[in-house]
Amino acid sequence: MKSITIFSVSVSLLLFLSSCSKDDATVEPTSPETMYFPPNTNPTWETKSISSLNWNQNAIQPLKDFLIQKNTKSFMILVNGRIVMEEYFNGHTSTDTWQWNSAGKTLVGTTTGIAQQEGFLDYNTKVSHYLGEGWTNAPLAKENLINSKHLLTMTSGLNDQNQLVIPSNLTYLADAGTRWSYHNVFQKLMDVVAEASNQEFETYFNAKIKNKIGMDGFWNNGVIFKIYHSNTRSMARFGLLALNKGKWNNEVVINETFFNESINSSQNINPSYGYFWWLNGKTSSMIPGGQEVYPGSLVSNAPADMYAAMGASDQRIYVIPSKKMVVIRMGDASDPSNPNFAVSGFDNELWSKINAVIN
């Protein structure tokens, strides 16, 4: 870590307070050791000062410099639900929306789990039960091997060479459950939930997640699949729900059994993948776009217990239970020449900067 001249606590605290959203009111916590949930209908959000956590204030500015250099639009750190850092760059504000890209897969997975707990669907039932036969271009016997859990775990066995999800592209490559491959076919779960619940997916999602935890945002048709857009605090709200394993205040939004399945290895091919959550601290990992297996942890600089929602152009929700922490990053790609992968070397670089602050 770099050694940097120590600024006074008062100046650093002033910088911190000024970095918090200018558009929303904040209040200091009254019970700093308890988990805090921001109110759904009030712009206030409790804060916690960097100095009270005994973090290294010398490392704050290098972290900000790195974020700016890497084309970041917004960055947040929550501890026990309280805002410790909230930064906006390059004209982005607390009310501006930005796309989650594939980080939004976790919204789809969580909504699927809710539909299951409400009895609308069973993820072990074949997808064609809900969508009808012929939703793929695979032989019928092979199509009928694919259930919703295979979509949750990226093990459908469908050809991943063309990510546009139309039946003619969904050809057979391997039996369901035998091959892990990052594929946009996940979005068929949105159709499964819609058919099973007899309503539009967005209507169901809004009622079961968005409105319950006070998110803003909307689903928009992207080039190849629907993408969620929201402001940064809404992304942080979902991260806080994930930190609390599906509970918001005293309400169970998604049952803990399903959520625990989501944040544990969902199959033995790629142990670093749950139900659309990327898992740190495993013995090996695979990444989008190939079949190579990499030994060791997904993000070696990050805490081993971290699970993360990761989207193209480095959209990130990092959840670290051991530190009761959520970290949010939104923005353009850190490396414009390589914007399309959900996992990138950016994570290790960013975590080296975060570690300098929190350790």
Protein backbone atom coordinates (compact mmCIF):
# COMPACT_ATOMS: atom_id res chain seq x y z
CA MET A 1 0.00 0.00 0.00
CA LYS A 2 1.13 3.57 -0.67
CA SER A 3 2.04 5.76 2.25
CA ILE A 4 0.29 9.10 1.93
CA THR A 5 0.37 12.17 4.17
CA ILE A 6 -2.43 11.97 6.74
CA PHE A 7 -5.11 14.58 6.41
CA SER A 8 -6.86 15.81 9.51
CA VAL A 9 -9.96 13.94 10.62
CA SER A 10 -12.05 17.08 10.33
CA VAL A 11 -11.07 17.71 6.71
CA SER A 12 -11.60 14.08 5.73
CA LEU A 13 -14.96 14.02 7.43
CA LEU A 14 -15.93 17.19 5.57
CA LEU A 15 -14.88 15.60 2.28
CA PHE A 16 -16.91 12.52 3.11
CA LEU A 17 -20.03 14.47 3.95
CA SER A 18 -19.70 16.52 0.79
CA SER A 19 -19.36 13.33 -1.26
CA CYS A 20 -22.74 12.05 -0.11
CA SER A 21 -25.68 12.73 -2.39
CA LYS A 22 -26.52 16.40 -2.63
CA ASP A 23 -30.00 15.50 -3.84
CA ASP A 24 -31.11 13.32 -0.91
CA ALA A 25 -31.10 14.00 2.80
CA THR A 26 -29.01 11.82 5.10
CA VAL A 27 -28.95 11.39 8.84
CA GLU A 28 -26.40 10.01 11.23
CA PRO A 29 -27.22 6.59 12.73
CA THR A 30 -28.73 6.22 16.16
CA SER A 31 -27.91 2.50 16.59
CA PRO A 32 -24.67 1.94 14.66
CA GLU A 33 -24.33 -1.78 15.40
CA THR A 34 -27.78 -2.78 14.17
CA MET A 35 -28.66 -3.50 10.55
CA TYR A 36 -30.32 -0.48 8.96
CA PHE A 37 -32.84 -0.43 6.12
CA PRO A 38 -33.61 2.92 4.46
CA PRO A 39 -37.30 3.81 4.37
CA ASN A 40 -39.10 3.14 1.13
CA THR A 41 -40.97 6.44 0.88
CA ASN A 42 -38.45 8.84 2.39
CA PRO A 43 -35.20 10.10 0.82
CA THR A 44 -33.28 9.92 4.10
CA TRP A 45 -30.60 7.27 4.41
CA GLU A 46 -28.45 6.96 7.51
CA THR A 47 -24.72 7.45 7.14
CA LYS A 48 -21.69 6.27 9.04
CA SER A 49 -18.45 8.24 9.02
CA ILE A 50 -15.21 6.80 7.75
CA SER A 51 -13.40 7.89 10.91
CA SER A 52 -15.83 5.95 13.14
CA LEU A 53 -14.84 2.75 11.31
CA ASN A 54 -11.11 3.43 11.81
CA TRP A 55 -10.55 3.07 8.08
CA ASN A 56 -7.45 4.45 6.42
CA GLN A 57 -8.50 7.92 5.33
CA ASN A 58 -5.21 8.37 3.49
CA ALA A 59 -6.38 5.83 0.94
CA ILE A 60 -9.70 7.48 0.09
CA GLN A 61 -8.35 9.86 -2.54
CA PRO A 62 -6.34 7.16 -4.38
CA LEU A 63 -9.54 5.11 -4.52
CA LYS A 64 -11.47 8.05 -5.97
CA ASP A 65 -8.69 8.76 -8.46
CA PHE A 66 -8.79 5.14 -9.60
CA LEU A 67 -12.57 5.21 -9.99
CA ILE A 68 -12.38 8.34 -12.14
CA GLN A 69 -9.56 6.89 -14.22
CA LYS A 70 -11.64 3.75 -14.82
CA ASN A 71 -14.69 5.59 -16.18
CA THR A 72 -16.85 5.16 -13.09
CA LYS A 73 -20.13 7.06 -12.84
CA SER A 74 -21.12 6.12 -9.29
CA PHE A 75 -19.69 4.26 -6.32
CA MET A 76 -21.15 3.37 -2.93
CA ILE A 77 -20.10 1.49 0.18
CA LEU A 78 -22.66 0.44 2.79
CA VAL A 79 -21.78 -1.02 6.18
CA ASN A 80 -24.68 -2.47 8.17
CA GLY A 81 -26.89 -0.76 5.61
CA ARG A 82 -25.53 2.73 6.27
CA ILE A 83 -23.81 4.83 3.63
CA VAL A 84 -20.08 5.21 4.27
CA MET A 85 -19.13 6.42 0.80
CA GLU A 86 -21.34 7.74 -1.98
CA GLU A 87 -19.55 9.22 -4.98
CA TYR A 88 -20.74 10.49 -8.37
CA PHE A 89 -18.41 11.30 -11.25
CA ASN A 90 -18.46 12.78 -14.75
CA GLY A 91 -21.76 14.61 -14.30
CA HIS A 92 -23.67 11.55 -13.08
CA THR A 93 -26.04 12.26 -10.17
CA SER A 94 -27.94 10.35 -7.52
CA THR A 95 -31.14 10.54 -9.57
CA ASP A 96 -29.66 9.42 -12.89
CA THR A 97 -30.37 5.88 -14.02
CA TRP A 98 -27.82 3.50 -15.50
CA GLN A 99 -28.00 -0.01 -16.93
CA TRP A 100 -27.18 -3.03 -14.77
CA ASN A 101 -26.36 -5.22 -17.79
CA SER A 102 -25.89 -8.83 -16.65
CA ALA A 103 -25.82 -7.82 -12.98
CA GLY A 104 -29.60 -7.72 -13.49
CA LYS A 105 -29.63 -11.50 -13.91
CA THR A 106 -29.72 -11.66 -10.10
CA LEU A 107 -33.04 -9.80 -10.20
CA VAL A 108 -34.41 -12.46 -12.54
CA GLY A 109 -33.08 -15.28 -10.37
CA THR A 110 -34.56 -13.81 -7.21
CA THR A 111 -37.93 -13.25 -8.90
CA THR A 112 -37.88 -16.87 -10.06
CA GLY A 113 -37.29 -18.00 -6.48
CA ILE A 114 -40.23 -15.92 -5.27
CA ALA A 115 -42.48 -17.44 -7.93
CA GLN A 116 -41.40 -20.86 -6.72
CA GLN A 117 -42.06 -20.10 -3.06
CA GLU A 118 -45.51 -18.83 -4.00
CA GLY A 119 -46.25 -22.09 -5.79
CA PHE A 120 -46.42 -20.74 -9.32
CA LEU A 121 -43.55 -22.86 -10.61
CA ASP A 122 -41.10 -25.61 -9.72
CA TYR A 123 -37.57 -25.11 -11.02
CA ASN A 124 -37.18 -28.88 -11.44
CA THR A 125 -40.03 -28.95 -13.96
CA LYS A 126 -39.09 -28.86 -17.63
CA VAL A 127 -39.24 -25.43 -19.25
CA SER A 128 -41.51 -26.69 -22.04
CA HIS A 129 -44.21 -27.30 -19.41
CA TYR A 130 -44.52 -23.51 -19.16
CA LEU A 131 -43.46 -22.34 -22.62
CA GLY A 132 -44.68 -25.21 -24.77
CA GLU A 133 -42.66 -27.54 -26.95
CA GLY A 134 -40.42 -25.96 -29.58
CA TRP A 135 -39.08 -23.07 -27.51
CA THR A 136 -35.64 -24.27 -28.66
CA ASN A 137 -34.30 -25.72 -31.89
CA ALA A 138 -33.03 -28.82 -30.07
CA PRO A 139 -34.47 -32.29 -30.60
CA LEU A 140 -37.60 -32.61 -28.45
CA ALA A 141 -36.07 -35.27 -26.22
CA LYS A 142 -33.11 -32.98 -25.48
CA GLU A 143 -35.30 -29.89 -25.04
CA ASN A 144 -37.35 -31.76 -22.48
CA LEU A 145 -34.22 -32.34 -20.38
CA ILE A 146 -33.97 -28.60 -19.69
CA ASN A 147 -35.65 -27.35 -16.54
CA SER A 148 -35.67 -23.89 -14.98
CA LYS A 149 -32.85 -24.81 -12.62
CA HIS A 150 -30.62 -25.45 -15.63
CA LEU A 151 -31.36 -21.89 -16.78
CA LEU A 152 -30.55 -20.56 -13.29
CA THR A 153 -27.19 -22.36 -13.31
CA MET A 154 -26.13 -21.77 -16.95
CA THR A 155 -26.21 -25.50 -17.67
CA SER A 156 -28.93 -25.72 -20.33
CA GLY A 157 -26.57 -27.37 -22.81
CA LEU A 158 -27.79 -25.09 -25.58
CA ASN A 159 -25.37 -23.67 -28.12
CA ASP A 160 -23.83 -20.44 -26.85
CA GLN A 161 -22.28 -19.23 -30.10
CA ASN A 162 -25.11 -16.79 -30.82
CA GLN A 163 -26.34 -14.91 -27.76
CA LEU A 164 -29.53 -13.66 -29.45
CA VAL A 165 -32.26 -15.74 -27.84
CA ILE A 166 -34.57 -16.85 -30.62
CA PRO A 167 -35.60 -20.47 -31.17
CA SER A 168 -33.49 -20.95 -34.31
CA ASN A 169 -30.33 -20.09 -32.32
CA LEU A 170 -31.09 -22.40 -29.40
CA THR A 171 -29.59 -25.54 -30.84
CA TYR A 172 -28.46 -28.62 -28.93
CA LEU A 173 -24.84 -28.81 -27.83
CA ALA A 174 -24.84 -31.04 -24.74
CA ASP A 175 -27.33 -32.67 -22.41
CA ALA A 176 -28.71 -30.28 -19.81
CA GLY A 177 -26.65 -30.32 -16.63
CA THR A 178 -23.44 -31.58 -18.25
CA ARG A 179 -21.90 -28.32 -19.52
CA TRP A 180 -21.58 -24.86 -17.94
CA SER A 181 -21.73 -22.00 -20.41
CA TYR A 182 -22.60 -18.34 -19.87
CA HIS A 183 -25.62 -17.80 -22.09
CA ASN A 184 -28.38 -15.23 -22.52
CA VAL A 185 -30.94 -18.02 -22.61
CA PHE A 186 -31.39 -17.16 -18.93
CA GLN A 187 -33.98 -14.62 -20.04
CA LYS A 188 -36.42 -17.43 -20.84
CA LEU A 189 -36.92 -17.54 -17.07
CA MET A 190 -38.70 -14.20 -17.44
CA ASP A 191 -41.12 -15.93 -19.80
CA VAL A 192 -41.49 -18.88 -17.40
CA VAL A 193 -42.36 -16.55 -14.51
CA ALA A 194 -44.79 -14.60 -16.70
CA GLU A 195 -46.56 -17.73 -17.93
CA ALA A 196 -46.61 -19.38 -14.50
CA SER A 197 -47.93 -16.30 -12.68
CA ASN A 198 -50.26 -15.26 -15.54
CA GLN A 199 -48.94 -11.68 -15.61
CA GLU A 200 -46.17 -9.68 -17.20
CA PHE A 201 -42.76 -10.39 -15.68
CA GLU A 202 -42.18 -6.71 -14.87
CA THR A 203 -45.55 -6.48 -13.11
CA TYR A 204 -44.67 -9.46 -10.93
CA PHE A 205 -41.12 -8.20 -10.29
CA ASN A 206 -42.39 -4.75 -9.32
CA ALA A 207 -44.86 -6.17 -6.81
CA LYS A 208 -42.52 -8.73 -5.26
CA ILE A 209 -39.16 -6.92 -5.18
CA LYS A 210 -39.06 -3.35 -6.48
CA ASN A 211 -41.94 -1.96 -4.43
CA LYS A 212 -41.11 -3.95 -1.32
CA ILE A 213 -37.59 -2.56 -0.97
CA GLY A 214 -38.17 0.90 -2.44
CA MET A 215 -36.27 0.60 -5.71
CA ASP A 216 -36.80 2.80 -8.70
CA GLY A 217 -35.97 1.58 -12.17
CA PHE A 218 -37.38 -0.18 -15.18
CA TRP A 219 -36.71 -3.01 -17.63
CA ASN A 220 -35.71 -1.87 -21.09
CA ASN A 221 -35.17 -3.91 -24.24
CA GLY A 222 -31.44 -4.12 -24.89
CA VAL A 223 -29.75 -5.34 -28.05
CA ILE A 224 -30.06 -9.00 -27.10
CA PHE A 225 -32.02 -9.14 -23.83
CA LYS A 226 -33.99 -7.00 -21.39
CA ILE A 227 -31.77 -4.88 -19.15
CA TYR A 228 -32.66 -3.26 -15.85
CA HIS A 229 -31.92 0.44 -15.34
CA SER A 230 -31.98 2.25 -12.00
CA ASN A 231 -30.25 4.87 -9.92
CA THR A 232 -27.31 3.85 -7.76
CA ARG A 233 -29.17 3.79 -4.47
CA SER A 234 -31.68 1.33 -5.91
CA MET A 235 -28.86 -1.00 -6.85
CA ALA A 236 -27.58 -0.59 -3.29
CA ARG A 237 -31.02 -1.48 -1.92
CA PHE A 238 -30.95 -4.77 -3.77
CA GLY A 239 -27.41 -5.39 -2.50
CA LEU A 240 -28.67 -4.79 1.04
CA LEU A 241 -31.48 -7.29 0.48
CA ALA A 242 -28.84 -9.77 -0.68
CA LEU A 243 -26.63 -9.07 2.35
CA ASN A 244 -29.61 -9.97 4.54
CA LYS A 245 -30.30 -13.14 2.54
CA GLY A 246 -33.68 -12.08 1.27
CA LYS A 247 -35.04 -10.16 4.25
CA TRP A 248 -35.96 -6.48 4.23
CA ASN A 249 -36.50 -5.18 7.74
CA ASN A 250 -38.65 -7.94 9.22
CA GLU A 251 -40.21 -9.06 5.94
CA VAL A 252 -39.07 -12.15 4.06
CA VAL A 253 -38.96 -11.08 0.41
CA ILE A 254 -37.29 -14.28 -0.80
CA ASN A 255 -36.97 -17.27 1.49
CA GLU A 256 -33.53 -17.92 2.90
CA THR A 257 -33.41 -21.51 1.66
CA PHE A 258 -33.60 -20.43 -1.97
CA PHE A 259 -31.27 -17.48 -1.41
CA ASN A 260 -28.65 -19.71 0.23
CA GLU A 261 -28.83 -21.99 -2.79
CA SER A 262 -28.28 -18.90 -4.95
CA ILE A 263 -25.02 -17.94 -3.23
CA ASN A 264 -23.50 -21.42 -3.11
CA SER A 265 -22.02 -23.49 -5.93
CA SER A 266 -25.00 -24.49 -8.02
CA GLN A 267 -23.20 -27.27 -9.92
CA ASN A 268 -19.74 -28.86 -9.82
CA ILE A 269 -18.58 -27.69 -13.26
CA ASN A 270 -18.01 -24.06 -12.28
CA PRO A 271 -18.00 -23.84 -8.46
CA SER A 272 -17.72 -20.05 -8.65
CA TYR A 273 -21.29 -19.72 -9.94
CA GLY A 274 -24.56 -19.91 -8.02
CA TYR A 275 -27.94 -18.78 -9.36
CA PHE A 276 -26.64 -15.78 -11.35
CA TRP A 277 -24.39 -14.79 -8.41
CA TRP A 278 -20.63 -15.02 -8.88
CA LEU A 279 -18.94 -16.62 -5.87
CA ASN A 280 -15.50 -15.80 -4.55
CA GLY A 281 -13.16 -18.05 -2.58
CA LYS A 282 -13.77 -21.25 -4.54
CA THR A 283 -11.13 -23.67 -5.80
CA SER A 284 -11.64 -22.81 -9.47
CA SER A 285 -13.71 -20.69 -11.80
CA MET A 286 -14.87 -20.31 -15.37
CA ILE A 287 -15.69 -17.02 -17.07
CA PRO A 288 -18.01 -15.98 -19.90
CA GLY A 289 -16.99 -16.80 -23.42
CA GLY A 290 -15.03 -20.02 -22.99
CA GLN A 291 -14.65 -23.42 -21.42
CA GLU A 292 -11.29 -22.92 -19.74
CA VAL A 293 -11.13 -23.66 -16.01
CA TYR A 294 -8.98 -21.30 -13.96
CA PRO A 295 -7.55 -22.52 -10.65
CA GLY A 296 -8.06 -20.40 -7.56
CA SER A 297 -10.43 -17.70 -6.43
CA LEU A 298 -12.42 -15.56 -8.87
CA VAL A 299 -11.17 -12.24 -7.38
CA SER A 300 -8.07 -12.97 -5.33
CA ASN A 301 -7.90 -9.52 -3.74
CA ALA A 302 -11.51 -9.64 -2.51
CA PRO A 303 -12.78 -11.32 0.67
CA ALA A 304 -13.28 -15.04 0.23
CA ASP A 305 -16.92 -14.91 1.32
CA MET A 306 -17.88 -12.30 -1.26
CA TYR A 307 -20.69 -12.97 -3.72
CA ALA A 308 -21.27 -10.57 -6.56
CA ALA A 309 -23.64 -9.52 -9.32
CA MET A 310 -21.49 -8.72 -12.32
CA GLY A 311 -22.48 -7.11 -15.59
CA ALA A 312 -20.73 -6.01 -18.77
CA SER A 313 -18.82 -2.73 -18.60
CA ASP A 314 -18.09 -3.45 -14.94
CA GLN A 315 -21.49 -2.97 -13.35
CA ARG A 316 -21.04 -4.45 -9.89
CA ILE A 317 -22.81 -5.37 -6.67
CA TYR A 318 -20.30 -6.84 -4.22
CA VAL A 319 -21.76 -8.37 -1.04
CA ILE A 320 -19.38 -9.24 1.82
CA PRO A 321 -21.18 -10.84 4.79
CA SER A 322 -18.08 -11.01 7.03
CA LYS A 323 -17.80 -7.21 6.84
CA LYS A 324 -21.57 -6.55 6.67
CA MET A 325 -20.68 -4.58 3.58
CA VAL A 326 -22.19 -3.85 0.16
CA VAL A 327 -20.16 -2.14 -2.58
CA ILE A 328 -21.74 -0.71 -5.74
CA ARG A 329 -20.00 0.40 -8.94
CA MET A 330 -21.79 1.72 -12.04
CA GLY A 331 -20.30 3.27 -15.12
CA ASP A 332 -18.71 2.81 -18.50
CA ALA A 333 -16.24 -0.01 -19.09
CA SER A 334 -13.01 0.36 -17.15
CA ASP A 335 -11.25 -0.85 -20.30
CA PRO A 336 -13.14 0.40 -23.38
CA SER A 337 -11.34 -2.15 -25.55
CA ASN A 338 -12.87 -5.02 -23.52
CA PRO A 339 -16.34 -3.92 -22.42
CA ASN A 340 -18.42 -7.02 -22.90
CA PHE A 341 -17.44 -9.51 -20.22
CA ALA A 342 -19.19 -9.79 -16.88
CA VAL A 343 -15.89 -10.68 -15.19
CA SER A 344 -12.72 -8.66 -15.76
CA GLY A 345 -9.35 -7.81 -14.24
CA PHE A 346 -10.93 -4.58 -13.05
CA ASP A 347 -12.26 -6.40 -9.97
CA ASN A 348 -8.82 -7.25 -8.62
CA GLU A 349 -7.56 -3.72 -9.23
CA LEU A 350 -10.56 -2.16 -7.54
CA TRP A 351 -10.32 -4.44 -4.53
CA SER A 352 -6.68 -3.56 -4.00
CA LYS A 353 -7.82 0.07 -3.66
CA ILE A 354 -10.75 -0.83 -1.41
CA ASN A 355 -8.52 -2.98 0.80
CA ALA A 356 -6.19 -0.03 1.27
CA VAL A 357 -9.14 1.86 2.74
CA ILE A 358 -10.86 -0.76 4.89
CA ASN A 359 -7.91 -2.78 6.22
